Every structure is written in structure tokens, then in C-alpha cells.
């Protein structure tokens, strides 16, 4: 869980560091995949964490997934223009 959650920001940072071209979108897709993986880990942790903590963190991950998806689409539209 720690590795998948950490991978979210690490990939955004690495992609941002490479500029706003196709590589950034690639790293955002990897980050989005890590966010989805993290959601799965939180769902599996129902015997370890309180339900309210799991719900809050899944909601945050859903927000991250939406933001990365929107940014990927924006970059795609920008590159197609």
C-alpha cells in the first residue's frame, strides 16, 4: 500500500520534471494506475483500518484519478491542436 500510494506523487513529479510533452501524459497514466491500485489495497484493508478512514482515502484517490484523467485529456487535446 505504501509503495502504490507513494508511486502516485513520484510519477507526477517525474513526469512534470520532464516537461509538458507526451512524457508527462505517460507518467500521469502511470500515476493514475497507481491510484487505482491503491484503491484496491484500501478495499482489501477492511480488517486493518477503520471504515471511515478507508472511505476518506478512497474518496481522495477518486479525486486524484479524476484530476489525472482530466489533465491527460487536456494534454491530449493540446497536442492534437
Protein backbone atom coordinates (compact mmCIF):
# COMPACT_ATOMS: atom_id res chain seq x y z
CA UNK A 1 0.00 0.00 0.00
CA UNK A 2 2.79 2.42 0.90
CA UNK A 3 4.57 1.73 -2.37
CA UNK A 4 1.49 2.17 -4.54
CA UNK A 5 0.44 5.39 -2.78
CA UNK A 6 3.98 6.75 -2.96
CA UNK A 7 4.13 5.95 -6.65
CA UNK A 8 1.25 8.35 -7.34
CA UNK A 9 3.14 11.52 -6.45
CA UNK A 10 6.51 10.15 -7.57
CA UNK A 11 5.27 9.64 -11.12
CA UNK A 12 3.57 13.03 -11.27
CA UNK A 13 6.79 14.66 -10.09
CA UNK A 14 8.96 12.75 -12.55
CA UNK A 15 6.63 13.50 -15.45
CA UNK A 16 6.42 17.17 -14.54
CA UNK A 17 10.20 17.31 -14.38
CA UNK A 18 10.39 16.09 -17.95
CA UNK A 19 8.15 18.86 -19.28
CA UNK A 20 4.62 19.04 -20.59
CA UNK A 21 5.01 16.85 -23.65
CA UNK A 22 3.97 13.28 -24.28
CA UNK A 23 6.19 12.01 -21.47
CA UNK A 24 4.21 13.96 -18.87
CA UNK A 25 0.96 12.34 -20.03
CA UNK A 26 2.68 8.94 -19.92
CA UNK A 27 3.72 9.44 -16.29
CA UNK A 28 0.24 10.71 -15.42
CA UNK A 29 -1.20 7.46 -16.77
CA UNK A 30 1.22 5.50 -14.59
CA UNK A 31 0.23 7.68 -11.62
CA UNK A 32 -3.46 7.06 -12.32
CA UNK A 33 -2.78 3.32 -12.41
CA UNK A 34 -1.06 3.56 -9.03
CA UNK A 35 -4.07 5.43 -7.63
CA UNK A 36 -6.36 2.65 -8.86
CA UNK A 37 -4.03 0.04 -7.36
CA UNK A 38 -4.06 1.94 -4.06
CA UNK A 39 -7.87 1.91 -4.04
CA UNK A 40 -7.73 -1.86 -4.29
CA UNK A 41 -5.31 -2.08 -1.37
CA UNK A 42 -7.55 0.13 0.77
CA UNK A 43 -10.57 -2.01 -0.05
CA UNK A 44 -8.61 -5.09 0.99
CA UNK A 45 -7.56 -3.46 4.27
CA UNK A 46 -11.05 -3.56 5.78
CA UNK A 47 -9.77 -5.75 8.59
CA UNK A 48 -6.87 -3.41 9.40
CA UNK A 49 -8.30 0.11 9.15
CA UNK A 50 -11.44 1.84 10.37
CA UNK A 51 -14.20 2.08 7.73
CA UNK A 52 -14.26 5.89 7.88
CA UNK A 53 -10.51 6.06 7.16
CA UNK A 54 -10.90 3.73 4.20
CA UNK A 55 -13.81 5.78 2.82
CA UNK A 56 -11.90 9.06 3.19
CA UNK A 57 -8.81 7.73 1.47
CA UNK A 58 -10.77 6.12 -1.36
CA UNK A 59 -12.56 9.45 -1.89
CA UNK A 60 -9.17 11.20 -2.09
CA UNK A 61 -7.93 8.61 -4.56
CA UNK A 62 -11.08 9.08 -6.66
CA UNK A 63 -10.29 12.81 -6.77
CA UNK A 64 -6.72 12.11 -7.84
CA UNK A 65 -7.95 9.75 -10.57
CA UNK A 66 -10.37 12.40 -11.86
CA UNK A 67 -7.67 15.11 -11.84
CA UNK A 68 -5.09 12.99 -13.62
CA UNK A 69 -7.66 11.85 -16.18
CA UNK A 70 -8.68 15.47 -16.86
CA UNK A 71 -5.06 16.57 -17.18
CA UNK A 72 -4.26 13.70 -19.55
CA UNK A 73 -7.24 14.69 -21.71
CA UNK A 74 -6.19 18.35 -21.68
CA UNK A 75 -2.66 17.42 -22.77
CA UNK A 76 -4.05 15.14 -25.47
CA UNK A 77 -6.31 17.91 -26.80
CA UNK A 78 -3.43 20.39 -26.70
CA UNK A 79 -1.14 18.04 -28.64
CA UNK A 80 -3.85 17.43 -31.26
CA UNK A 81 -4.35 21.16 -31.86
